[in-house]
Amino acid sequence: MVDKFFKTISDVDSPAEFAFEIPDMHVPSGSSTVEVGRLSTLTGGATTRALYVGAAGNVFCRLANTYNGTGQLEGEQANVHFQGIPAGTILPLRIEAIFANNWSDDTSNTTATGLVGLY
């Protein structure tokens, strides 16, 4: 079947065209060898358009393009903790990184699994 939209310019609001699996960061012992899942290293520089959550849980992440007004990326304030995300949810978020652990608050760890980045 021919893709009738192959000549259409893709934009941020367009449906995702690519996907990549995000490694499971939650391990039974409560500690993880993955500290920061910087997504640009997995996709060659891409930031997600959306995040698919396969198995319910929490996601601790950094949203893209969160600036402090001076043109510098705001670190801590850009980090967000989404709690109780149901399985099968697609979050329409531009995510730059997903963190396994929040070292300042252990209740904010990423526990969701089956994560897929869409872009």
C-alpha atoms as a PDB file:
ATOM      1  CA  MET A   1       0.000   0.000   0.000  1.00  0.00           C
ATOM      2  CA  VAL A   2       1.322   3.433  -0.924  1.00  0.00           C
ATOM      3  CA  ASP A   3       1.699   6.115   1.755  1.00  0.00           C
ATOM      4  CA  LYS A   4      -0.373   9.001   0.431  1.00  0.00           C
ATOM      5  CA  PHE A   5       1.291  11.387   2.896  1.00  0.00           C
ATOM      6  CA  PHE A   6       4.946  10.658   2.104  1.00  0.00           C
ATOM      7  CA  LYS A   7       5.408  14.119   0.525  1.00  0.00           C
ATOM      8  CA  THR A   8       3.753  15.917   3.441  1.00  0.00           C
ATOM      9  CA  ILE A   9       6.058  17.933   5.673  1.00  0.00           C
ATOM     10  CA  SER A  10       6.097  16.500   9.177  1.00  0.00           C
ATOM     11  CA  ASP A  11       5.582  18.961  12.053  1.00  0.00           C
ATOM     12  CA  VAL A  12       5.446  18.725  15.848  1.00  0.00           C
ATOM     13  CA  ASP A  13       1.658  18.362  15.668  1.00  0.00           C
ATOM     14  CA  SER A  14       1.837  15.604  13.056  1.00  0.00           C
ATOM     15  CA  PRO A  15       1.298  11.959  14.016  1.00  0.00           C
ATOM     16  CA  ALA A  16       4.447  10.091  14.982  1.00  0.00           C
ATOM     17  CA  GLU A  17       6.388   8.490  12.150  1.00  0.00           C
ATOM     18  CA  PHE A  18       9.058   6.674  14.157  1.00  0.00           C
ATOM     19  CA  ALA A  19       9.268   4.799  17.447  1.00  0.00           C
ATOM     20  CA  PHE A  20      12.001   3.475  19.707  1.00  0.00           C
ATOM     21  CA  GLU A  21      11.930   1.262  22.755  1.00  0.00           C
ATOM     22  CA  ILE A  22      13.078   2.847  26.015  1.00  0.00           C
ATOM     23  CA  PRO A  23      14.967   0.360  28.201  1.00  0.00           C
ATOM     24  CA  ASP A  24      13.272  -0.785  31.403  1.00  0.00           C
ATOM     25  CA  MET A  25      14.685   1.290  34.259  1.00  0.00           C
ATOM     26  CA  HIS A  26      12.858  -0.375  37.138  1.00  0.00           C
ATOM     27  CA  VAL A  27      14.591  -3.321  38.759  1.00  0.00           C
ATOM     28  CA  PRO A  28      13.260  -5.443  41.662  1.00  0.00           C
ATOM     29  CA  SER A  29      16.075  -4.453  44.054  1.00  0.00           C
ATOM     30  CA  GLY A  30      14.985  -0.802  43.862  1.00  0.00           C
ATOM     31  CA  SER A  31      18.274   0.375  42.385  1.00  0.00           C
ATOM     32  CA  SER A  32      19.099   0.772  38.732  1.00  0.00           C
ATOM     33  CA  THR A  33      22.251   0.955  36.684  1.00  0.00           C
ATOM     34  CA  VAL A  34      20.481   3.445  34.400  1.00  0.00           C
ATOM     35  CA  GLU A  35      20.613   6.858  36.054  1.00  0.00           C
ATOM     36  CA  VAL A  36      19.608   9.085  33.177  1.00  0.00           C
ATOM     37  CA  GLY A  37      17.861   7.817  30.070  1.00  0.00           C
ATOM     38  CA  ARG A  38      18.763  10.732  27.831  1.00  0.00           C
ATOM     39  CA  LEU A  39      16.593  10.020  24.828  1.00  0.00           C
ATOM     40  CA  SER A  40      18.716  11.892  22.293  1.00  0.00           C
ATOM     41  CA  THR A  41      21.400   9.201  22.591  1.00  0.00           C
ATOM     42  CA  LEU A  42      18.839   6.535  21.649  1.00  0.00           C
ATOM     43  CA  THR A  43      17.363   8.378  18.668  1.00  0.00           C
ATOM     44  CA  GLY A  44      20.298  10.278  17.235  1.00  0.00           C
ATOM     45  CA  GLY A  45      19.116  13.609  18.586  1.00  0.00           C
ATOM     46  CA  ALA A  46      15.324  13.315  18.447  1.00  0.00           C
ATOM     47  CA  THR A  47      12.986  14.361  21.239  1.00  0.00           C
ATOM     48  CA  THR A  48       9.701  12.513  21.580  1.00  0.00           C
ATOM     49  CA  ARG A  49       6.362  13.799  20.312  1.00  0.00           C
ATOM     50  CA  ALA A  50       4.646  11.348  22.632  1.00  0.00           C
ATOM     51  CA  LEU A  51       5.355   8.573  25.120  1.00  0.00           C
ATOM     52  CA  TYR A  52       3.541   5.233  25.131  1.00  0.00           C
ATOM     53  CA  VAL A  53       3.305   3.545  28.550  1.00  0.00           C
ATOM     54  CA  GLY A  54       2.938  -0.240  28.208  1.00  0.00           C
ATOM     55  CA  ALA A  55       2.616  -1.197  31.877  1.00  0.00           C
ATOM     56  CA  ALA A  56       1.154   1.123  34.523  1.00  0.00           C
ATOM     57  CA  GLY A  57       3.386   3.144  36.811  1.00  0.00           C
ATOM     58  CA  ASN A  58       5.137   6.469  37.312  1.00  0.00           C
ATOM     59  CA  VAL A  59       7.400   8.376  34.918  1.00  0.00           C
ATOM     60  CA  PHE A  60       9.998  10.903  36.089  1.00  0.00           C
ATOM     61  CA  CYS A  61      11.173  12.896  33.073  1.00  0.00           C
ATOM     62  CA  ARG A  62      12.509  16.165  31.693  1.00  0.00           C
ATOM     63  CA  LEU A  63      10.345  17.972  29.173  1.00  0.00           C
ATOM     64  CA  ALA A  64      11.957  19.570  26.133  1.00  0.00           C
ATOM     65  CA  ASN A  65      12.318  23.305  25.563  1.00  0.00           C
ATOM     66  CA  THR A  66      11.878  24.429  29.138  1.00  0.00           C
ATOM     67  CA  TYR A  67      13.863  27.655  29.302  1.00  0.00           C
ATOM     68  CA  ASN A  68      14.342  30.150  32.111  1.00  0.00           C
ATOM     69  CA  GLY A  69      13.999  33.265  29.934  1.00  0.00           C
ATOM     70  CA  THR A  70      17.725  33.720  29.380  1.00  0.00           C
ATOM     71  CA  GLY A  71      18.027  31.097  26.663  1.00  0.00           C
ATOM     72  CA  GLN A  72      19.503  28.554  29.076  1.00  0.00           C
ATOM     73  CA  LEU A  73      17.766  25.243  29.724  1.00  0.00           C
ATOM     74  CA  GLU A  74      16.326  25.166  33.225  1.00  0.00           C
ATOM     75  CA  GLY A  75      17.444  21.899  34.841  1.00  0.00           C
ATOM     76  CA  GLU A  76      15.530  21.054  37.990  1.00  0.00           C
ATOM     77  CA  GLN A  77      12.376  23.010  37.134  1.00  0.00           C
ATOM     78  CA  ALA A  78      12.034  21.155  33.831  1.00  0.00           C
ATOM     79  CA  ASN A  79      11.799  17.792  35.605  1.00  0.00           C
ATOM     80  CA  VAL A  80       8.277  16.412  36.043  1.00  0.00           C
ATOM     81  CA  HIS A  81       6.902  13.365  37.874  1.00  0.00           C
ATOM     82  CA  PHE A  82       3.773  11.799  36.382  1.00  0.00           C
ATOM     83  CA  GLN A  83       2.091   9.427  38.837  1.00  0.00           C
ATOM     84  CA  GLY A  84      -0.212   6.468  38.258  1.00  0.00           C
ATOM     85  CA  ILE A  85      -0.195   6.417  34.471  1.00  0.00           C
ATOM     86  CA  PRO A  86      -2.504   3.597  33.292  1.00  0.00           C
ATOM     87  CA  ALA A  87      -1.218   0.906  30.938  1.00  0.00           C
ATOM     88  CA  GLY A  88      -1.784   1.676  27.274  1.00  0.00           C
ATOM     89  CA  THR A  89      -1.666   5.458  27.730  1.00  0.00           C
ATOM     90  CA  ILE A  90      -0.081   7.729  25.135  1.00  0.00           C
ATOM     91  CA  LEU A  91       1.156  10.966  26.707  1.00  0.00           C
ATOM     92  CA  PRO A  92       1.447  13.721  24.056  1.00  0.00           C
ATOM     93  CA  LEU A  93       4.636  15.163  25.538  1.00  0.00           C
ATOM     94  CA  ARG A  94       7.944  16.313  24.081  1.00  0.00           C
ATOM     95  CA  ILE A  95      10.335  14.510  26.412  1.00  0.00           C
ATOM     96  CA  GLU A  96      14.086  15.021  26.421  1.00  0.00           C
ATOM     97  CA  ALA A  97      15.071  12.502  29.129  1.00  0.00           C
ATOM     98  CA  ILE A  98      13.548   9.879  31.412  1.00  0.00           C
ATOM     99  CA  PHE A  99      15.173   9.315  34.787  1.00  0.00           C
ATOM    100  CA  ALA A 100      15.265   5.984  36.610  1.00  0.00           C
ATOM    101  CA  ASN A 101      15.626   7.612  40.026  1.00  0.00           C
ATOM    102  CA  ASN A 102      14.936  10.973  41.617  1.00  0.00           C
ATOM    103  CA  TRP A 103      17.783  11.165  44.101  1.00  0.00           C
ATOM    104  CA  SER A 104      16.154  13.944  46.152  1.00  0.00           C
ATOM    105  CA  ASP A 105      12.813  12.102  46.562  1.00  0.00           C
ATOM    106  CA  ASP A 106      12.824   8.309  46.315  1.00  0.00           C
ATOM    107  CA  THR A 107       9.027   8.216  45.842  1.00  0.00           C
ATOM    108  CA  SER A 108       9.423   9.892  42.433  1.00  0.00           C
ATOM    109  CA  ASN A 109      11.224   7.061  40.661  1.00  0.00           C
ATOM    110  CA  THR A 110      10.202   5.788  37.226  1.00  0.00           C
ATOM    111  CA  THR A 111       8.261   2.556  37.775  1.00  0.00           C
ATOM    112  CA  ALA A 112       6.351   2.303  34.487  1.00  0.00           C
ATOM    113  CA  THR A 113       7.632  -0.260  32.021  1.00  0.00           C
ATOM    114  CA  GLY A 114       7.135  -0.984  28.349  1.00  0.00           C
ATOM    115  CA  LEU A 115       7.929   2.625  27.458  1.00  0.00           C
ATOM    116  CA  VAL A 116       8.075   3.554  23.773  1.00  0.00           C
ATOM    117  CA  GLY A 117       9.166   6.958  22.509  1.00  0.00           C
ATOM    118  CA  LEU A 118       7.225   8.211  19.494  1.00  0.00           C
ATOM    119  CA  TYR A 119       8.550  10.931  17.187  1.00  0.00           C
END
